[in-house]
Amino acid sequence: MRFFQKIYSPYPYTYLHVAFVPLEGFSGMQYPGLILLNRLEPQRSGVLIHEIAHQWWYNMVGNNSIQEAWIHEGLAEYSPLLFYKHLYPDVYRAKTDRLARLGESIEVPIDLPLEKYGQESLYRQGVYARRCLFLAFIGEKGGRGEIAPGP
């Protein structure tokens, strides 16, 4: 939380509740001041970091979740990379290597409405992975290696 407050802006709410609940088909879900994590799955730090990032990307900087999910999901997916880069460089390298390999095989557009993807796997590739790759590419080409100011 402190990391994102430093690079994005102060946390906009007075609280953040995290609840472990049974979620069907989701690892996590975000709402203003509330994160739900699936208690039926093993917990991964990246899911929690992604959902925390949604407190800024979706809750503060909103968009049409059905028509333009790539905006907030791409930024929320990119945010853990920034977190790992500054705090856990080995994890960052492993994740960026994985993304680079994945990026070589993804041909799904990033800007389709939800119903146009047809399959959840294609949606995840286009909206989450491909958009994250795009933001990482912009960050590297911008010369700082990230699109947000570093701590």
N, C-alpha and C. Protein backbone atom coordinates (compact mmCIF):
# COMPACT_ATOMS: atom_id res chain seq x y z
N MET A 1 0.83 -1.19 0.00
CA MET A 1 0.00 0.00 0.00
C MET A 1 0.88 1.26 0.00
N ARG A 2 1.88 1.27 0.88
CA ARG A 2 2.77 2.45 0.95
C ARG A 2 3.49 2.67 -0.37
N PHE A 3 3.87 1.59 -1.03
CA PHE A 3 4.57 1.71 -2.30
C PHE A 3 3.69 2.45 -3.31
N PHE A 4 2.43 2.05 -3.45
CA PHE A 4 1.54 2.68 -4.42
C PHE A 4 1.19 4.11 -4.01
N GLN A 5 1.10 4.36 -2.72
CA GLN A 5 0.87 5.74 -2.29
C GLN A 5 2.05 6.63 -2.68
N LYS A 6 3.22 6.07 -2.66
CA LYS A 6 4.41 6.85 -3.00
C LYS A 6 4.49 7.12 -4.50
N ILE A 7 4.17 6.12 -5.33
CA ILE A 7 4.33 6.33 -6.77
C ILE A 7 3.08 6.84 -7.46
N TYR A 8 1.90 6.62 -6.89
CA TYR A 8 0.66 7.07 -7.55
C TYR A 8 0.06 8.29 -6.87
N SER A 9 -0.44 8.10 -5.67
CA SER A 9 -1.06 9.20 -4.91
C SER A 9 -1.44 8.65 -3.54
N PRO A 10 -1.80 9.52 -2.61
CA PRO A 10 -2.25 9.02 -1.31
C PRO A 10 -3.45 8.08 -1.48
N TYR A 11 -3.54 7.10 -0.59
CA TYR A 11 -4.67 6.17 -0.61
C TYR A 11 -5.95 6.97 -0.41
N PRO A 12 -6.94 6.76 -1.25
CA PRO A 12 -8.11 7.64 -1.26
C PRO A 12 -9.16 7.36 -0.18
N TYR A 13 -9.01 6.26 0.55
CA TYR A 13 -10.04 5.89 1.51
C TYR A 13 -9.43 5.84 2.91
N THR A 14 -10.28 5.77 3.91
CA THR A 14 -9.79 5.71 5.29
C THR A 14 -9.58 4.29 5.78
N TYR A 15 -9.94 3.30 4.97
CA TYR A 15 -9.81 1.90 5.37
C TYR A 15 -9.56 1.04 4.13
N LEU A 16 -9.06 -0.16 4.37
CA LEU A 16 -8.98 -1.19 3.35
C LEU A 16 -9.23 -2.51 4.05
N HIS A 17 -10.32 -3.15 3.70
CA HIS A 17 -10.66 -4.46 4.26
C HIS A 17 -10.30 -5.53 3.24
N VAL A 18 -9.72 -6.61 3.73
CA VAL A 18 -9.42 -7.77 2.89
C VAL A 18 -10.17 -8.95 3.49
N ALA A 19 -10.99 -9.59 2.67
CA ALA A 19 -11.80 -10.73 3.14
C ALA A 19 -11.49 -11.95 2.27
N PHE A 20 -11.37 -13.09 2.92
CA PHE A 20 -11.18 -14.35 2.22
C PHE A 20 -12.53 -15.04 2.11
N VAL A 21 -13.00 -15.18 0.90
CA VAL A 21 -14.33 -15.74 0.65
C VAL A 21 -14.24 -16.77 -0.48
N PRO A 22 -15.22 -17.65 -0.61
CA PRO A 22 -15.21 -18.57 -1.75
C PRO A 22 -15.67 -17.85 -3.02
N LEU A 23 -14.76 -17.68 -3.96
CA LEU A 23 -15.08 -17.03 -5.23
C LEU A 23 -15.04 -18.09 -6.33
N GLU A 24 -16.07 -18.17 -7.11
CA GLU A 24 -16.11 -19.11 -8.23
C GLU A 24 -15.48 -18.47 -9.46
N GLY A 25 -14.36 -19.01 -9.92
CA GLY A 25 -13.75 -18.54 -11.16
C GLY A 25 -12.91 -17.27 -11.06
N PHE A 26 -12.71 -16.76 -9.87
CA PHE A 26 -11.91 -15.55 -9.68
C PHE A 26 -10.88 -15.79 -8.58
N SER A 27 -9.72 -15.19 -8.73
CA SER A 27 -8.72 -15.24 -7.65
C SER A 27 -8.94 -14.10 -6.67
N GLY A 28 -9.46 -12.97 -7.20
CA GLY A 28 -9.71 -11.82 -6.36
C GLY A 28 -10.68 -10.87 -7.03
N MET A 29 -11.21 -9.96 -6.24
CA MET A 29 -12.15 -8.96 -6.75
C MET A 29 -12.00 -7.71 -5.90
N GLN A 30 -12.12 -6.56 -6.53
CA GLN A 30 -11.91 -5.31 -5.82
C GLN A 30 -13.16 -4.44 -5.83
N TYR A 31 -13.29 -3.70 -4.77
CA TYR A 31 -14.30 -2.66 -4.62
C TYR A 31 -13.63 -1.52 -3.86
N PRO A 32 -14.18 -0.32 -3.88
CA PRO A 32 -13.56 0.77 -3.10
C PRO A 32 -13.42 0.39 -1.63
N GLY A 33 -12.18 0.31 -1.15
CA GLY A 33 -11.92 -0.01 0.25
C GLY A 33 -12.11 -1.46 0.63
N LEU A 34 -12.31 -2.34 -0.34
CA LEU A 34 -12.57 -3.76 -0.05
C LEU A 34 -11.93 -4.63 -1.12
N ILE A 35 -11.21 -5.65 -0.66
CA ILE A 35 -10.65 -6.65 -1.55
C ILE A 35 -11.14 -8.01 -1.10
N LEU A 36 -11.64 -8.78 -2.05
CA LEU A 36 -12.05 -10.15 -1.79
C LEU A 36 -11.01 -11.07 -2.43
N LEU A 37 -10.51 -12.02 -1.64
CA LEU A 37 -9.57 -13.02 -2.15
C LEU A 37 -10.21 -14.39 -2.02
N ASN A 38 -9.95 -15.22 -3.00
CA ASN A 38 -10.56 -16.54 -3.04
C ASN A 38 -9.90 -17.46 -2.02
N ARG A 39 -10.67 -17.87 -1.02
CA ARG A 39 -10.11 -18.75 0.01
C ARG A 39 -10.01 -20.19 -0.48
N LEU A 40 -10.56 -20.48 -1.66
CA LEU A 40 -10.51 -21.83 -2.22
C LEU A 40 -9.24 -22.08 -3.04
N GLU A 41 -8.44 -21.03 -3.25
CA GLU A 41 -7.20 -21.15 -4.04
C GLU A 41 -6.01 -20.84 -3.15
N PRO A 42 -4.85 -21.39 -3.51
CA PRO A 42 -3.63 -20.96 -2.80
C PRO A 42 -3.40 -19.48 -3.04
N GLN A 43 -3.01 -18.77 -2.03
CA GLN A 43 -2.82 -17.33 -2.16
C GLN A 43 -1.48 -17.02 -2.81
N ARG A 44 -1.52 -16.08 -3.74
CA ARG A 44 -0.32 -15.62 -4.43
C ARG A 44 -0.20 -14.12 -4.17
N SER A 45 1.01 -13.67 -3.89
CA SER A 45 1.21 -12.25 -3.58
C SER A 45 0.79 -11.36 -4.74
N GLY A 46 1.01 -11.80 -5.97
CA GLY A 46 0.67 -10.99 -7.13
C GLY A 46 -0.81 -10.66 -7.22
N VAL A 47 -1.66 -11.58 -6.76
CA VAL A 47 -3.11 -11.32 -6.79
C VAL A 47 -3.45 -10.19 -5.82
N LEU A 48 -2.92 -10.26 -4.62
CA LEU A 48 -3.20 -9.20 -3.64
C LEU A 48 -2.65 -7.86 -4.12
N ILE A 49 -1.43 -7.85 -4.66
CA ILE A 49 -0.85 -6.60 -5.15
C ILE A 49 -1.69 -6.03 -6.29
N HIS A 50 -2.13 -6.90 -7.20
CA HIS A 50 -3.00 -6.49 -8.31
C HIS A 50 -4.29 -5.86 -7.77
N GLU A 51 -4.90 -6.52 -6.80
CA GLU A 51 -6.17 -6.01 -6.26
C GLU A 51 -5.96 -4.71 -5.49
N ILE A 52 -4.85 -4.57 -4.80
CA ILE A 52 -4.55 -3.29 -4.14
C ILE A 52 -4.39 -2.19 -5.18
N ALA A 53 -3.71 -2.49 -6.28
CA ALA A 53 -3.54 -1.50 -7.35
C ALA A 53 -4.88 -1.03 -7.89
N HIS A 54 -5.88 -1.89 -7.84
CA HIS A 54 -7.22 -1.50 -8.31
C HIS A 54 -7.83 -0.39 -7.45
N GLN A 55 -7.32 -0.16 -6.27
CA GLN A 55 -7.83 0.95 -5.48
C GLN A 55 -7.55 2.27 -6.19
N TRP A 56 -6.55 2.28 -7.04
CA TRP A 56 -6.26 3.45 -7.88
C TRP A 56 -6.82 3.24 -9.29
N TRP A 57 -6.50 2.09 -9.89
CA TRP A 57 -6.89 1.81 -11.28
C TRP A 57 -8.19 1.03 -11.31
N TYR A 58 -9.23 1.72 -11.32
CA TYR A 58 -10.62 1.31 -11.42
C TYR A 58 -11.42 2.12 -10.42
N ASN A 59 -11.00 2.07 -9.17
CA ASN A 59 -11.78 2.78 -8.16
C ASN A 59 -11.60 4.29 -8.26
N MET A 60 -10.39 4.76 -8.51
CA MET A 60 -10.17 6.21 -8.66
C MET A 60 -10.16 6.63 -10.13
N VAL A 61 -9.42 5.90 -10.94
CA VAL A 61 -9.37 6.17 -12.37
C VAL A 61 -10.25 5.12 -13.03
N GLY A 62 -11.50 5.46 -13.20
CA GLY A 62 -12.48 4.47 -13.66
C GLY A 62 -12.68 4.49 -15.16
N ASN A 63 -13.34 3.48 -15.61
CA ASN A 63 -13.67 3.34 -17.02
C ASN A 63 -14.84 2.36 -17.13
N ASN A 64 -15.26 2.09 -18.33
CA ASN A 64 -16.33 1.14 -18.57
C ASN A 64 -15.75 -0.27 -18.51
N SER A 65 -16.06 -1.01 -17.46
CA SER A 65 -15.46 -2.33 -17.22
C SER A 65 -15.80 -3.35 -18.29
N ILE A 66 -16.92 -3.21 -18.94
CA ILE A 66 -17.32 -4.17 -19.97
C ILE A 66 -16.69 -3.81 -21.31
N GLN A 67 -16.70 -2.55 -21.66
CA GLN A 67 -16.21 -2.12 -22.97
C GLN A 67 -14.70 -1.86 -23.00
N GLU A 68 -14.13 -1.45 -21.87
CA GLU A 68 -12.73 -1.01 -21.86
C GLU A 68 -11.96 -1.52 -20.65
N ALA A 69 -12.13 -2.78 -20.31
CA ALA A 69 -11.46 -3.35 -19.14
C ALA A 69 -9.94 -3.29 -19.26
N TRP A 70 -9.44 -3.24 -20.48
CA TRP A 70 -7.99 -3.21 -20.69
C TRP A 70 -7.33 -2.01 -20.03
N ILE A 71 -8.08 -0.93 -19.81
CA ILE A 71 -7.48 0.25 -19.20
C ILE A 71 -7.11 -0.04 -17.74
N HIS A 72 -8.10 -0.38 -16.93
CA HIS A 72 -7.79 -0.58 -15.51
C HIS A 72 -7.12 -1.92 -15.24
N GLU A 73 -7.46 -2.96 -15.97
CA GLU A 73 -6.82 -4.26 -15.74
C GLU A 73 -5.36 -4.23 -16.18
N GLY A 74 -5.07 -3.57 -17.27
CA GLY A 74 -3.68 -3.46 -17.71
C GLY A 74 -2.82 -2.72 -16.71
N LEU A 75 -3.34 -1.62 -16.18
CA LEU A 75 -2.60 -0.84 -15.19
C LEU A 75 -2.46 -1.61 -13.87
N ALA A 76 -3.52 -2.31 -13.47
CA ALA A 76 -3.46 -3.11 -12.24
C ALA A 76 -2.52 -4.30 -12.40
N GLU A 77 -2.40 -4.82 -13.60
CA GLU A 77 -1.49 -5.93 -13.86
C GLU A 77 -0.04 -5.45 -13.96
N TYR A 78 0.16 -4.25 -14.45
CA TYR A 78 1.49 -3.66 -14.54
C TYR A 78 2.01 -3.23 -13.17
N SER A 79 1.14 -2.82 -12.29
CA SER A 79 1.54 -2.31 -10.97
C SER A 79 2.36 -3.30 -10.16
N PRO A 80 2.01 -4.60 -10.11
CA PRO A 80 2.89 -5.53 -9.39
C PRO A 80 4.31 -5.59 -9.96
N LEU A 81 4.45 -5.40 -11.28
CA LEU A 81 5.80 -5.38 -11.85
C LEU A 81 6.62 -4.24 -11.25
N LEU A 82 6.00 -3.07 -11.12
CA LEU A 82 6.71 -1.94 -10.50
C LEU A 82 7.08 -2.27 -9.05
N PHE A 83 6.13 -2.87 -8.34
CA PHE A 83 6.36 -3.26 -6.94
C PHE A 83 7.55 -4.21 -6.84
N TYR A 84 7.52 -5.26 -7.64
CA TYR A 84 8.62 -6.24 -7.60
C TYR A 84 9.94 -5.63 -8.06
N LYS A 85 9.90 -4.77 -9.05
CA LYS A 85 11.13 -4.17 -9.57
C LYS A 85 11.88 -3.42 -8.47
N HIS A 86 11.13 -2.70 -7.65
CA HIS A 86 11.76 -1.88 -6.62
C HIS A 86 12.04 -2.62 -5.32
N LEU A 87 11.25 -3.66 -5.03
CA LEU A 87 11.39 -4.32 -3.73
C LEU A 87 11.91 -5.75 -3.82
N TYR A 88 11.68 -6.43 -4.92
CA TYR A 88 12.10 -7.84 -5.09
C TYR A 88 12.60 -8.05 -6.52
N PRO A 89 13.80 -7.56 -6.83
CA PRO A 89 14.30 -7.60 -8.21
C PRO A 89 14.36 -8.99 -8.83
N ASP A 90 14.63 -10.03 -8.03
CA ASP A 90 14.68 -11.39 -8.59
C ASP A 90 13.30 -11.83 -9.07
N VAL A 91 12.28 -11.51 -8.30
CA VAL A 91 10.90 -11.83 -8.70
C VAL A 91 10.54 -11.04 -9.95
N TYR A 92 10.95 -9.78 -9.98
CA TYR A 92 10.69 -8.93 -11.15
C TYR A 92 11.29 -9.55 -12.42
N ARG A 93 12.55 -9.96 -12.33
CA ARG A 93 13.20 -10.56 -13.51
C ARG A 93 12.48 -11.83 -13.96
N ALA A 94 12.07 -12.67 -13.03
CA ALA A 94 11.36 -13.90 -13.38
C ALA A 94 10.03 -13.58 -14.05
N LYS A 95 9.32 -12.60 -13.51
CA LYS A 95 8.02 -12.24 -14.08
C LYS A 95 8.15 -11.59 -15.45
N THR A 96 9.13 -10.72 -15.62
CA THR A 96 9.30 -10.09 -16.94
C THR A 96 9.79 -11.09 -17.97
N ASP A 97 10.61 -12.05 -17.56
CA ASP A 97 11.02 -13.11 -18.49
C ASP A 97 9.81 -13.93 -18.94
N ARG A 98 8.94 -14.27 -17.98
CA ARG A 98 7.72 -15.02 -18.31
C ARG A 98 6.83 -14.22 -19.24
N LEU A 99 6.66 -12.94 -18.94
CA LEU A 99 5.83 -12.08 -19.80
C LEU A 99 6.39 -11.97 -21.21
N ALA A 100 7.71 -11.86 -21.31
CA ALA A 100 8.33 -11.76 -22.63
C ALA A 100 8.08 -13.02 -23.45
N ARG A 101 8.21 -14.18 -22.81
CA ARG A 101 7.93 -15.44 -23.52
C ARG A 101 6.46 -15.51 -23.92
N LEU A 102 5.58 -15.12 -23.02
CA LEU A 102 4.15 -15.13 -23.30
C LEU A 102 3.82 -14.16 -24.42
N GLY A 103 4.46 -13.00 -24.41
CA GLY A 103 4.20 -11.98 -25.41
C GLY A 103 4.49 -12.41 -26.82
N GLU A 104 5.42 -13.32 -26.98
CA GLU A 104 5.77 -13.82 -28.31
C GLU A 104 4.63 -14.63 -28.93
N SER A 105 3.73 -15.15 -28.08
CA SER A 105 2.66 -16.00 -28.60
C SER A 105 1.28 -15.35 -28.59
N ILE A 106 1.16 -14.16 -28.02
CA ILE A 106 -0.15 -13.51 -27.91
C ILE A 106 -0.44 -12.67 -29.14
N GLU A 107 -1.57 -12.93 -29.76
CA GLU A 107 -2.00 -12.13 -30.90
C GLU A 107 -3.39 -11.56 -30.70
N VAL A 108 -3.90 -11.64 -29.49
CA VAL A 108 -5.25 -11.19 -29.17
C VAL A 108 -5.26 -9.67 -29.01
N PRO A 109 -6.22 -8.96 -29.61
CA PRO A 109 -6.31 -7.51 -29.42
C PRO A 109 -6.55 -7.15 -27.96
N ILE A 110 -6.09 -5.98 -27.56
CA ILE A 110 -6.26 -5.55 -26.17
C ILE A 110 -7.53 -4.75 -25.94
N ASP A 111 -8.16 -4.28 -27.00
CA ASP A 111 -9.23 -3.30 -26.82
C ASP A 111 -10.62 -3.77 -27.26
N LEU A 112 -10.89 -5.05 -27.11
CA LEU A 112 -12.21 -5.56 -27.45
C LEU A 112 -13.15 -5.45 -26.26
N PRO A 113 -14.45 -5.30 -26.51
CA PRO A 113 -15.41 -5.41 -25.40
C PRO A 113 -15.40 -6.85 -24.86
N LEU A 114 -15.76 -7.01 -23.62
CA LEU A 114 -15.73 -8.30 -22.93
C LEU A 114 -16.33 -9.43 -23.75
N GLU A 115 -17.51 -9.23 -24.31
CA GLU A 115 -18.21 -10.31 -24.99
C GLU A 115 -17.55 -10.72 -26.31
N LYS A 116 -16.68 -9.90 -26.86
CA LYS A 116 -16.03 -10.20 -28.14
C LYS A 116 -14.87 -11.19 -28.02
N TYR A 117 -14.37 -11.40 -26.82
CA TYR A 117 -13.25 -12.32 -26.66
C TYR A 117 -13.68 -13.78 -26.81
N GLY A 118 -14.89 -14.10 -26.42
CA GLY A 118 -15.39 -15.46 -26.60
C GLY A 118 -14.94 -16.46 -25.56
N GLN A 119 -13.68 -16.45 -25.20
CA GLN A 119 -13.14 -17.38 -24.21
C GLN A 119 -12.41 -16.59 -23.13
N GLU A 120 -12.51 -17.08 -21.90
CA GLU A 120 -11.84 -16.39 -20.80
C GLU A 120 -10.32 -16.33 -21.01
N SER A 121 -9.73 -17.39 -21.55
CA SER A 121 -8.28 -17.39 -21.75
C SER A 121 -7.86 -16.29 -22.73
N LEU A 122 -8.65 -16.06 -23.77
CA LEU A 122 -8.34 -14.99 -24.72
C LEU A 122 -8.52 -13.62 -24.08
N TYR A 123 -9.54 -13.48 -23.26
CA TYR A 123 -9.76 -12.24 -22.52
C TYR A 123 -8.56 -11.94 -21.63
N ARG A 124 -8.10 -12.93 -20.87
CA ARG A 124 -6.97 -12.73 -19.96
C ARG A 124 -5.69 -12.39 -20.73
N GLN A 125 -5.49 -13.03 -21.87
CA GLN A 125 -4.31 -12.74 -22.67
C GLN A 125 -4.35 -11.31 -23.21
N GLY A 126 -5.49 -10.90 -23.74
CA GLY A 126 -5.59 -9.57 -24.34
C GLY A 126 -5.64 -8.45 -23.34
N VAL A 127 -6.48 -8.60 -22.32
CA VAL A 127 -6.74 -7.51 -21.37
C VAL A 127 -5.66 -7.41 -20.29
N TYR A 128 -5.21 -8.53 -19.77
CA TYR A 128 -4.23 -8.52 -18.68
C TYR A 128 -2.80 -8.57 -19.22
N ALA A 129 -2.46 -9.68 -19.86
CA ALA A 129 -1.06 -9.91 -20.24
C ALA A 129 -0.59 -8.96 -21.34
N ARG A 130 -1.34 -8.84 -22.40
CA ARG A 130 -0.86 -8.02 -23.53
C ARG A 130 -0.80 -6.55 -23.14
N ARG A 131 -1.77 -6.08 -22.39
CA ARG A 131 -1.74 -4.68 -21.96
C ARG A 131 -0.57 -4.43 -21.01
N CYS A 132 -0.31 -5.37 -20.12
CA CYS A 132 0.83 -5.24 -19.21
C CYS A 132 2.12 -5.18 -20.01
N LEU A 133 2.26 -6.02 -21.01
CA LEU A 133 3.43 -5.99 -21.88
C LEU A 133 3.57 -4.64 -22.57
N PHE A 134 2.45 -4.11 -23.04
CA PHE A 134 2.46 -2.80 -23.70
C PHE A 134 2.97 -1.71 -22.76
N LEU A 135 2.46 -1.70 -21.52
CA LEU A 135 2.88 -0.69 -20.55
C LEU A 135 4.36 -0.87 -20.18
N ALA A 136 4.80 -2.11 -20.04
CA ALA A 136 6.21 -2.36 -19.75
C ALA A 136 7.09 -1.88 -20.91
N PHE A 137 6.64 -2.11 -22.13
CA PHE A 137 7.38 -1.66 -23.32
C PHE A 137 7.48 -0.14 -23.34
N ILE A 138 6.39 0.54 -23.06
CA ILE A 138 6.41 2.01 -23.00
C ILE A 138 7.39 2.48 -21.92
N GLY A 139 7.35 1.82 -20.77
CA GLY A 139 8.25 2.18 -19.69
C GLY A 139 9.71 2.04 -20.09
N GLU A 140 10.04 0.95 -20.74
CA GLU A 140 11.43 0.74 -21.18
C GLU A 140 11.83 1.75 -22.25
N LYS A 141 10.96 2.02 -23.19
CA LYS A 141 11.28 2.96 -24.27
C LYS A 141 11.35 4.39 -23.76
N GLY A 142 10.65 4.67 -22.65
CA GLY A 142 10.66 6.01 -22.08
C GLY A 142 11.97 6.34 -21.37
N GLY A 143 12.81 5.33 -21.18
CA GLY A 143 14.12 5.60 -20.62
C GLY A 143 14.23 5.39 -19.12
N ARG A 144 13.12 5.35 -18.40
CA ARG A 144 13.17 5.15 -16.96
C ARG A 144 12.95 3.69 -16.59
N GLY A 145 12.47 2.90 -17.54
CA GLY A 145 12.19 1.51 -17.24
C GLY A 145 10.87 1.31 -16.53
N GLU A 146 10.05 2.37 -16.46
CA GLU A 146 8.73 2.28 -15.83
C GLU A 146 7.91 3.48 -16.28
N ILE A 147 6.59 3.38 -16.16
CA ILE A 147 5.76 4.50 -16.55
C ILE A 147 5.37 5.37 -15.36
N ALA A 148 5.68 4.92 -14.15
CA ALA A 148 5.38 5.71 -12.96
C ALA A 148 6.69 6.19 -12.35
N PRO A 149 6.66 7.30 -11.63
CA PRO A 149 7.89 7.74 -10.98
C PRO A 149 8.34 6.73 -9.94
N GLY A 150 9.61 6.48 -9.84
CA GLY A 150 10.14 5.53 -8.86
C GLY A 150 10.20 6.13 -7.47
N PRO A 151 10.21 5.27 -6.46
CA PRO A 151 10.30 5.77 -5.08
C PRO A 151 11.66 6.37 -4.78
